Amino acid sequence: MAPPKVRFLTRIYHPNIDKLGRICLDILKDKWSPALQIRTVLLSIQALLSAPNPDDPLANDVADHWKTDEAGAVQTGMLLIECHTLSCT
């Protein structure tokens, strides 16, 4: 059985999420097991959002920004959230 296909529809400025919303998470790839529950998948995504791993990036530009200026990267992410909320393009 293959892992579920999970992605974000809204753009997320995160080193482990690419521009297409794909998520770099081991349990969605090589560490997948059919014994895992959707709850486990969602908790793992929540943990990844809280603690990005710029050393295993899917978005290299965001990872570089995170490594050189973490506060700036967080601010950029917050601005994108605000812009999305206001329906900016």
PDB file of N, CA and C in Angstrom:
ATOM      1  N   MET A   1       0.839  -1.180   0.000  1.00  0.00           N
ATOM      2  CA  MET A   1       0.000   0.000   0.000  1.00  0.00           C
ATOM      3  C   MET A   1       0.886   1.246   0.000  1.00  0.00           C
ATOM      4  N   ALA A   2       0.566   2.186  -0.849  1.00  0.00           N
ATOM      5  CA  ALA A   2       1.347   3.427  -0.981  1.00  0.00           C
ATOM      6  C   ALA A   2       0.917   4.444   0.077  1.00  0.00           C
ATOM      7  N   PRO A   3       1.820   5.369   0.414  1.00  0.00           N
ATOM      8  CA  PRO A   3       1.453   6.415   1.373  1.00  0.00           C
ATOM      9  C   PRO A   3       0.386   7.336   0.786  1.00  0.00           C
ATOM     10  N   PRO A   4      -0.367   8.007   1.644  1.00  0.00           N
ATOM     11  CA  PRO A   4      -1.362   8.942   1.125  1.00  0.00           C
ATOM     12  C   PRO A   4      -0.681  10.124   0.440  1.00  0.00           C
ATOM     13  N   LYS A   5      -1.364  10.708  -0.510  1.00  0.00           N
ATOM     14  CA  LYS A   5      -0.842  11.906  -1.175  1.00  0.00           C
ATOM     15  C   LYS A   5      -1.368  13.112  -0.408  1.00  0.00           C
ATOM     16  N   VAL A   6      -0.443  13.830   0.198  1.00  0.00           N
ATOM     17  CA  VAL A   6      -0.804  14.980   1.025  1.00  0.00           C
ATOM     18  C   VAL A   6      -0.042  16.185   0.509  1.00  0.00           C
ATOM     19  N   ARG A   7      -0.743  17.295   0.350  1.00  0.00           N
ATOM     20  CA  ARG A   7      -0.069  18.528  -0.038  1.00  0.00           C
ATOM     21  C   ARG A   7      -0.900  19.716   0.420  1.00  0.00           C
ATOM     22  N   PHE A   8      -0.248  20.874   0.466  1.00  0.00           N
ATOM     23  CA  PHE A   8      -0.929  22.110   0.814  1.00  0.00           C
ATOM     24  C   PHE A   8      -1.454  22.759  -0.460  1.00  0.00           C
ATOM     25  N   LEU A   9      -2.665  23.267  -0.409  1.00  0.00           N
ATOM     26  CA  LEU A   9      -3.221  23.996  -1.544  1.00  0.00           C
ATOM     27  C   LEU A   9      -2.838  25.473  -1.478  1.00  0.00           C
ATOM     28  N   THR A  10      -2.657  25.973  -0.270  1.00  0.00           N
ATOM     29  CA  THR A  10      -2.230  27.351  -0.051  1.00  0.00           C
ATOM     30  C   THR A  10      -0.711  27.380  -0.003  1.00  0.00           C
ATOM     31  N   ARG A  11      -0.116  28.381  -0.619  1.00  0.00           N
ATOM     32  CA  ARG A  11       1.343  28.488  -0.616  1.00  0.00           C
ATOM     33  C   ARG A  11       1.857  28.656   0.812  1.00  0.00           C
ATOM     34  N   ILE A  12       2.860  27.866   1.157  1.00  0.00           N
ATOM     35  CA  ILE A  12       3.471  27.887   2.478  1.00  0.00           C
ATOM     36  C   ILE A  12       4.951  28.200   2.297  1.00  0.00           C
ATOM     37  N   TYR A  13       5.453  29.196   3.016  1.00  0.00           N
ATOM     38  CA  TYR A  13       6.875  29.540   2.955  1.00  0.00           C
ATOM     39  C   TYR A  13       7.581  28.720   4.028  1.00  0.00           C
ATOM     40  N   HIS A  14       8.071  27.563   3.630  1.00  0.00           N
ATOM     41  CA  HIS A  14       8.627  26.593   4.576  1.00  0.00           C
ATOM     42  C   HIS A  14       9.698  25.785   3.846  1.00  0.00           C
ATOM     43  N   PRO A  15      10.840  25.525   4.490  1.00  0.00           N
ATOM     44  CA  PRO A  15      11.913  24.801   3.794  1.00  0.00           C
ATOM     45  C   PRO A  15      11.555  23.377   3.379  1.00  0.00           C
ATOM     46  N   ASN A  16      10.569  22.779   4.030  1.00  0.00           N
ATOM     47  CA  ASN A  16      10.225  21.391   3.738  1.00  0.00           C
ATOM     48  C   ASN A  16       8.945  21.240   2.919  1.00  0.00           C
ATOM     49  N   ILE A  17       8.477  22.362   2.350  1.00  0.00           N
ATOM     50  CA  ILE A  17       7.282  22.352   1.512  1.00  0.00           C
ATOM     51  C   ILE A  17       7.595  23.141   0.243  1.00  0.00           C
ATOM     52  N   ASP A  18       7.398  22.518  -0.913  1.00  0.00           N
ATOM     53  CA  ASP A  18       7.739  23.218  -2.154  1.00  0.00           C
ATOM     54  C   ASP A  18       6.577  24.086  -2.646  1.00  0.00           C
ATOM     55  N   LYS A  19       6.799  24.762  -3.762  1.00  0.00           N
ATOM     56  CA  LYS A  19       5.800  25.701  -4.292  1.00  0.00           C
ATOM     57  C   LYS A  19       4.528  25.012  -4.765  1.00  0.00           C
ATOM     58  N   LEU A  20       4.600  23.717  -4.996  1.00  0.00           N
ATOM     59  CA  LEU A  20       3.412  22.959  -5.384  1.00  0.00           C
ATOM     60  C   LEU A  20       2.670  22.399  -4.176  1.00  0.00           C
ATOM     61  N   GLY A  21       3.192  22.671  -2.976  1.00  0.00           N
ATOM     62  CA  GLY A  21       2.545  22.209  -1.754  1.00  0.00           C
ATOM     63  C   GLY A  21       2.958  20.824  -1.301  1.00  0.00           C
ATOM     64  N   ARG A  22       3.911  20.223  -2.008  1.00  0.00           N
ATOM     65  CA  ARG A  22       4.380  18.890  -1.615  1.00  0.00           C
ATOM     66  C   ARG A  22       5.205  18.988  -0.336  1.00  0.00           C
ATOM     67  N   ILE A  23       5.118  17.963   0.484  1.00  0.00           N
ATOM     68  CA  ILE A  23       5.729  17.972   1.809  1.00  0.00           C
ATOM     69  C   ILE A  23       6.869  16.966   1.870  1.00  0.00           C
ATOM     70  N   CYS A  24       8.012  17.405   2.375  1.00  0.00           N
ATOM     71  CA  CYS A  24       9.160  16.520   2.572  1.00  0.00           C
ATOM     72  C   CYS A  24       9.066  15.942   3.982  1.00  0.00           C
ATOM     73  N   LEU A  25       8.486  14.758   4.074  1.00  0.00           N
ATOM     74  CA  LEU A  25       8.270  14.109   5.367  1.00  0.00           C
ATOM     75  C   LEU A  25       8.466  12.613   5.176  1.00  0.00           C
ATOM     76  N   ASP A  26       9.351  12.029   5.975  1.00  0.00           N
ATOM     77  CA  ASP A  26       9.727  10.628   5.777  1.00  0.00           C
ATOM     78  C   ASP A  26       8.553   9.658   5.805  1.00  0.00           C
ATOM     79  N   ILE A  27       7.551   9.906   6.666  1.00  0.00           N
ATOM     80  CA  ILE A  27       6.437   8.952   6.727  1.00  0.00           C
ATOM     81  C   ILE A  27       5.512   9.052   5.516  1.00  0.00           C
ATOM     82  N   LEU A  28       5.724  10.071   4.688  1.00  0.00           N
ATOM     83  CA  LEU A  28       4.970  10.157   3.435  1.00  0.00           C
ATOM     84  C   LEU A  28       5.772   9.587   2.277  1.00  0.00           C
ATOM     85  N   LYS A  29       6.933   9.043   2.592  1.00  0.00           N
ATOM     86  CA  LYS A  29       7.803   8.466   1.561  1.00  0.00           C
ATOM     87  C   LYS A  29       8.299   7.094   2.003  1.00  0.00           C
ATOM     88  N   ASP A  30       9.595   6.995   2.286  1.00  0.00           N
ATOM     89  CA  ASP A  30      10.224   5.701   2.566  1.00  0.00           C
ATOM     90  C   ASP A  30       9.886   5.111   3.932  1.00  0.00           C
ATOM     91  N   LYS A  31       9.412   5.910   4.867  1.00  0.00           N
ATOM     92  CA  LYS A  31       9.073   5.396   6.205  1.00  0.00           C
ATOM     93  C   LYS A  31       7.581   5.102   6.352  1.00  0.00           C
ATOM     94  N   TRP A  32       6.861   5.106   5.238  1.00  0.00           N
ATOM     95  CA  TRP A  32       5.423   4.858   5.284  1.00  0.00           C
ATOM     96  C   TRP A  32       5.129   3.423   5.697  1.00  0.00           C
ATOM     97  N   SER A  33       4.092   3.266   6.499  1.00  0.00           N
ATOM     98  CA  SER A  33       3.589   1.955   6.876  1.00  0.00           C
ATOM     99  C   SER A  33       2.064   2.019   6.869  1.00  0.00           C
ATOM    100  N   PRO A  34       1.407   1.008   6.331  1.00  0.00           N
ATOM    101  CA  PRO A  34      -0.057   0.991   6.353  1.00  0.00           C
ATOM    102  C   PRO A  34      -0.629   1.008   7.774  1.00  0.00           C
ATOM    103  N   ALA A  35       0.206   0.691   8.756  1.00  0.00           N
ATOM    104  CA  ALA A  35      -0.248   0.706  10.146  1.00  0.00           C
ATOM    105  C   ALA A  35      -0.406   2.128  10.682  1.00  0.00           C
ATOM    106  N   LEU A  36       0.178   3.109   9.989  1.00  0.00           N
ATOM    107  CA  LEU A  36       0.061   4.499  10.438  1.00  0.00           C
ATOM    108  C   LEU A  36      -1.361   5.006  10.224  1.00  0.00           C
ATOM    109  N   GLN A  37      -1.828   5.772  11.174  1.00  0.00           N
ATOM    110  CA  GLN A  37      -3.164   6.346  11.079  1.00  0.00           C
ATOM    111  C   GLN A  37      -3.077   7.771  10.543  1.00  0.00           C
ATOM    112  N   ILE A  38      -4.179   8.274  10.019  1.00  0.00           N
ATOM    113  CA  ILE A  38      -4.203   9.641   9.511  1.00  0.00           C
ATOM    114  C   ILE A  38      -3.854  10.625  10.628  1.00  0.00           C
ATOM    115  N   ARG A  39      -4.233  10.296  11.848  1.00  0.00           N
ATOM    116  CA  ARG A  39      -3.893  11.143  13.001  1.00  0.00           C
ATOM    117  C   ARG A  39      -2.380  11.302  13.119  1.00  0.00           C
ATOM    118  N   THR A  40      -1.650  10.220  12.930  1.00  0.00           N
ATOM    119  CA  THR A  40      -0.189  10.252  13.007  1.00  0.00           C
ATOM    120  C   THR A  40       0.386  11.123  11.895  1.00  0.00           C
ATOM    121  N   VAL A  41      -0.167  10.999  10.705  1.00  0.00           N
ATOM    122  CA  VAL A  41       0.292  11.810   9.574  1.00  0.00           C
ATOM    123  C   VAL A  41       0.068  13.289   9.874  1.00  0.00           C
ATOM    124  N   LEU A  42      -1.126  13.634  10.346  1.00  0.00           N
ATOM    125  CA  LEU A  42      -1.434  15.037  10.637  1.00  0.00           C
ATOM    126  C   LEU A  42      -0.580  15.590  11.773  1.00  0.00           C
ATOM    127  N   LEU A  43      -0.344  14.802  12.801  1.00  0.00           N
ATOM    128  CA  LEU A  43       0.523  15.246  13.896  1.00  0.00           C
ATOM    129  C   LEU A  43       1.960  15.437  13.419  1.00  0.00           C
ATOM    130  N   SER A  44       2.411  14.587  12.522  1.00  0.00           N
ATOM    131  CA  SER A  44       3.764  14.719  11.970  1.00  0.00           C
ATOM    132  C   SER A  44       3.893  15.985  11.128  1.00  0.00           C
ATOM    133  N   ILE A  45       2.865  16.293  10.362  1.00  0.00           N
ATOM    134  CA  ILE A  45       2.876  17.531   9.573  1.00  0.00           C
ATOM    135  C   ILE A  45       2.861  18.740  10.503  1.00  0.00           C
ATOM    136  N   GLN A  46       2.053  18.682  11.540  1.00  0.00           N
ATOM    137  CA  GLN A  46       2.004  19.775  12.517  1.00  0.00           C
ATOM    138  C   GLN A  46       3.373  19.978  13.160  1.00  0.00           C
ATOM    139  N   ALA A  47       4.036  18.900  13.518  1.00  0.00           N
ATOM    140  CA  ALA A  47       5.369  18.995  14.122  1.00  0.00           C
ATOM    141  C   ALA A  47       6.368  19.596  13.135  1.00  0.00           C
ATOM    142  N   LEU A  48       6.285  19.206  11.873  1.00  0.00           N
ATOM    143  CA  LEU A  48       7.187  19.748  10.853  1.00  0.00           C
ATOM    144  C   LEU A  48       6.960  21.244  10.659  1.00  0.00           C
ATOM    145  N   LEU A  49       5.708  21.664  10.692  1.00  0.00           N
ATOM    146  CA  LEU A  49       5.411  23.091  10.570  1.00  0.00           C
ATOM    147  C   LEU A  49       5.993  23.872  11.743  1.00  0.00           C
ATOM    148  N   SER A  50       5.957  23.275  12.919  1.00  0.00           N
ATOM    149  CA  SER A  50       6.475  23.936  14.127  1.00  0.00           C
ATOM    150  C   SER A  50       7.993  23.935  14.190  1.00  0.00           C
ATOM    151  N   ALA A  51       8.599  22.925  13.615  1.00  0.00           N
ATOM    152  CA  ALA A  51      10.059  22.782  13.692  1.00  0.00           C
ATOM    153  C   ALA A  51      10.612  22.402  12.320  1.00  0.00           C
ATOM    154  N   PRO A  52      10.780  23.378  11.433  1.00  0.00           N
ATOM    155  CA  PRO A  52      11.312  23.092  10.096  1.00  0.00           C
ATOM    156  C   PRO A  52      12.693  22.446  10.151  1.00  0.00           C
ATOM    157  N   ASN A  53      12.989  21.656   9.132  1.00  0.00           N
ATOM    158  CA  ASN A  53      14.292  21.020   9.015  1.00  0.00           C
ATOM    159  C   ASN A  53      14.980  21.544   7.753  1.00  0.00           C
ATOM    160  N   PRO A  54      15.709  22.671   7.861  1.00  0.00           N
ATOM    161  CA  PRO A  54      16.347  23.242   6.677  1.00  0.00           C
ATOM    162  C   PRO A  54      17.505  22.405   6.137  1.00  0.00           C
ATOM    163  N   ASP A  55      17.912  21.361   6.876  1.00  0.00           N
ATOM    164  CA  ASP A  55      18.987  20.486   6.405  1.00  0.00           C
ATOM    165  C   ASP A  55      18.473  19.382   5.480  1.00  0.00           C
ATOM    166  N   ASP A  56      17.151  19.255   5.356  1.00  0.00           N
ATOM    167  CA  ASP A  56      16.534  18.293   4.440  1.00  0.00           C
ATOM    168  C   ASP A  56      15.428  19.018   3.669  1.00  0.00           C
ATOM    169  N   PRO A  57      15.824  20.030   2.873  1.00  0.00           N
ATOM    170  CA  PRO A  57      14.812  20.909   2.272  1.00  0.00           C
ATOM    171  C   PRO A  57      14.172  20.355   1.006  1.00  0.00           C
ATOM    172  N   LEU A  58      12.998  20.858   0.756  1.00  0.00           N
ATOM    173  CA  LEU A  58      12.337  20.659  -0.525  1.00  0.00           C
ATOM    174  C   LEU A  58      12.356  21.987  -1.279  1.00  0.00           C
ATOM    175  N   ALA A  59      12.446  23.076  -0.525  1.00  0.00           N
ATOM    176  CA  ALA A  59      12.557  24.430  -1.085  1.00  0.00           C
ATOM    177  C   ALA A  59      13.918  24.988  -0.668  1.00  0.00           C
ATOM    178  N   ASN A  60      14.905  24.818  -1.535  1.00  0.00           N
ATOM    179  CA  ASN A  60      16.277  25.220  -1.193  1.00  0.00           C
ATOM    180  C   ASN A  60      16.412  26.705  -0.894  1.00  0.00           C
ATOM    181  N   ASP A  61      15.693  27.545  -1.634  1.00  0.00           N
ATOM    182  CA  ASP A  61      15.781  28.984  -1.390  1.00  0.00           C
ATOM    183  C   ASP A  61      15.262  29.354  -0.005  1.00  0.00           C
ATOM    184  N   VAL A  62      14.178  28.723   0.408  1.00  0.00           N
ATOM    185  CA  VAL A  62      13.620  28.986   1.740  1.00  0.00           C
ATOM    186  C   VAL A  62      14.563  28.441   2.809  1.00  0.00           C
ATOM    187  N   ALA A  63      15.144  27.276   2.565  1.00  0.00           N
ATOM    188  CA  ALA A  63      16.091  26.694   3.522  1.00  0.00           C
ATOM    189  C   ALA A  63      17.302  27.598   3.699  1.00  0.00           C
ATOM    190  N   ASP A  64      17.821  28.134   2.601  1.00  0.00           N
ATOM    191  CA  ASP A  64      18.961  29.055   2.693  1.00  0.00           C
ATOM    192  C   ASP A  64      18.584  30.297   3.485  1.00  0.00           C
ATOM    193  N   HIS A  65      17.399  30.834   3.212  1.00  0.00           N
ATOM    194  CA  HIS A  65      16.920  32.005   3.953  1.00  0.00           C
ATOM    195  C   HIS A  65      16.799  31.658   5.440  1.00  0.00           C
ATOM    196  N   TRP A  66      16.237  30.494   5.744  1.00  0.00           N
ATOM    197  CA  TRP A  66      16.047  30.048   7.126  1.00  0.00           C
ATOM    198  C   TRP A  66      17.394  29.934   7.843  1.00  0.00           C
ATOM    199  N   LYS A  67      18.381  29.373   7.161  1.00  0.00           N
ATOM    200  CA  LYS A  67      19.696  29.173   7.785  1.00  0.00           C
ATOM    201  C   LYS A  67      20.427  30.485   8.027  1.00  0.00           C
ATOM    202  N   THR A  68      20.259  31.455   7.133  1.00  0.00           N
ATOM    203  CA  THR A  68      20.999  32.713   7.266  1.00  0.00           C
ATOM    204  C   THR A  68      20.247  33.763   8.069  1.00  0.00           C
ATOM    205  N   ASP A  69      18.909  33.689   8.074  1.00  0.00           N
ATOM    206  CA  ASP A  69      18.115  34.705   8.772  1.00  0.00           C
ATOM    207  C   ASP A  69      16.769  34.097   9.165  1.00  0.00           C
ATOM    208  N   GLU A  70      16.783  33.309  10.235  1.00  0.00           N
ATOM    209  CA  GLU A  70      15.569  32.603  10.644  1.00  0.00           C
ATOM    210  C   GLU A  70      14.414  33.567  10.917  1.00  0.00           C
ATOM    211  N   ALA A  71      14.707  34.655  11.620  1.00  0.00           N
ATOM    212  CA  ALA A  71      13.653  35.632  11.933  1.00  0.00           C
ATOM    213  C   ALA A  71      13.076  36.236  10.650  1.00  0.00           C
ATOM    214  N   GLY A  72      13.934  36.521   9.686  1.00  0.00           N
ATOM    215  CA  GLY A  72      13.472  37.058   8.407  1.00  0.00           C
ATOM    216  C   GLY A  72      12.622  36.060   7.643  1.00  0.00           C
ATOM    217  N   ALA A  73      12.999  34.790   7.699  1.00  0.00           N
ATOM    218  CA  ALA A  73      12.227  33.744   7.023  1.00  0.00           C
ATOM    219  C   ALA A  73      10.847  33.599   7.662  1.00  0.00           C
ATOM    220  N   VAL A  74      10.805  33.647   8.983  1.00  0.00           N
ATOM    221  CA  VAL A  74       9.519  33.567   9.688  1.00  0.00           C
ATOM    222  C   VAL A  74       8.655  34.771   9.307  1.00  0.00           C
ATOM    223  N   GLN A  75       9.268  35.947   9.253  1.00  0.00           N
ATOM    224  CA  GLN A  75       8.529  37.157   8.886  1.00  0.00           C
ATOM    225  C   GLN A  75       7.979  37.052   7.460  1.00  0.00           C
ATOM    226  N   THR A  76       8.775  36.534   6.542  1.00  0.00           N
ATOM    227  CA  THR A  76       8.308  36.343   5.165  1.00  0.00           C
ATOM    228  C   THR A  76       7.112  35.397   5.137  1.00  0.00           C
ATOM    229  N   GLY A  77       7.196  34.317   5.897  1.00  0.00           N
ATOM    230  CA  GLY A  77       6.082  33.374   5.980  1.00  0.00           C
ATOM    231  C   GLY A  77       4.826  34.025   6.528  1.00  0.00           C
ATOM    232  N   MET A  78       4.980  34.844   7.558  1.00  0.00           N
ATOM    233  CA  MET A  78       3.834  35.535   8.150  1.00  0.00           C
ATOM    234  C   MET A  78       3.218  36.524   7.154  1.00  0.00           C
ATOM    235  N   LEU A  79       4.068  37.206   6.387  1.00  0.00           N
ATOM    236  CA  LEU A  79       3.563  38.145   5.380  1.00  0.00           C
ATOM    237  C   LEU A  79       2.763  37.419   4.303  1.00  0.00           C
ATOM    238  N   LEU A  80       3.223  36.241   3.903  1.00  0.00           N
ATOM    239  CA  LEU A  80       2.481  35.457   2.911  1.00  0.00           C
ATOM    240  C   LEU A  80       1.130  35.010   3.458  1.00  0.00           C
ATOM    241  N   ILE A  81       1.102  34.640   4.732  1.00  0.00           N
ATOM    242  CA  ILE A  81      -0.170  34.252   5.361  1.00  0.00           C
ATOM    243  C   ILE A  81      -1.121  35.443   5.370  1.00  0.00           C
ATOM    244  N   GLU A  82      -0.602  36.599   5.779  1.00  0.00           N
ATOM    245  CA  GLU A  82      -1.427  37.808   5.820  1.00  0.00           C
ATOM    246  C   GLU A  82      -1.930  38.166   4.425  1.00  0.00           C
ATOM    247  N   CYS A  83      -1.053  38.074   3.455  1.00  0.00           N
ATOM    248  CA  CYS A  83      -1.425  38.388   2.077  1.00  0.00           C
ATOM    249  C   CYS A  83      -2.505  37.425   1.580  1.00  0.00           C
ATOM    250  N   HIS A  84      -2.365  36.144   1.883  1.00  0.00           N
ATOM    251  CA  HIS A  84      -3.363  35.158   1.473  1.00  0.00           C
ATOM    252  C   HIS A  84      -4.705  35.458   2.133  1.00  0.00           C
ATOM    253  N   THR A  85      -4.660  35.827   3.405  1.00  0.00           N
ATOM    254  CA  THR A  85      -5.882  36.147   4.137  1.00  0.00           C
ATOM    255  C   THR A  85      -6.608  37.325   3.491  1.00  0.00           C
ATOM    256  N   LEU A  86      -5.826  38.276   2.977  1.00  0.00           N
ATOM    257  CA  LEU A  86      -6.405  39.461   2.343  1.00  0.00           C
ATOM    258  C   LEU A  86      -6.627  39.267   0.845  1.00  0.00           C
ATOM    259  N   SER A  87      -6.379  38.059   0.348  1.00  0.00           N
ATOM    260  CA  SER A  87      -6.532  37.709  -1.069  1.00  0.00           C
ATOM    261  C   SER A  87      -5.625  38.514  -1.989  1.00  0.00           C
ATOM    262  N   CYS A  88      -4.377  38.706  -1.577  1.00  0.00           N
ATOM    263  CA  CYS A  88      -3.394  39.372  -2.432  1.00  0.00           C
ATOM    264  C   CYS A  88      -2.995  38.423  -3.557  1.00  0.00           C
ATOM    265  N   THR A  89      -2.421  38.968  -4.597  1.00  0.00           N
ATOM    266  CA  THR A  89      -1.914  38.114  -5.669  1.00  0.00           C
ATOM    267  C   THR A  89      -0.424  38.229  -5.751  1.00  0.00           C
TER     268      THR A  89
END
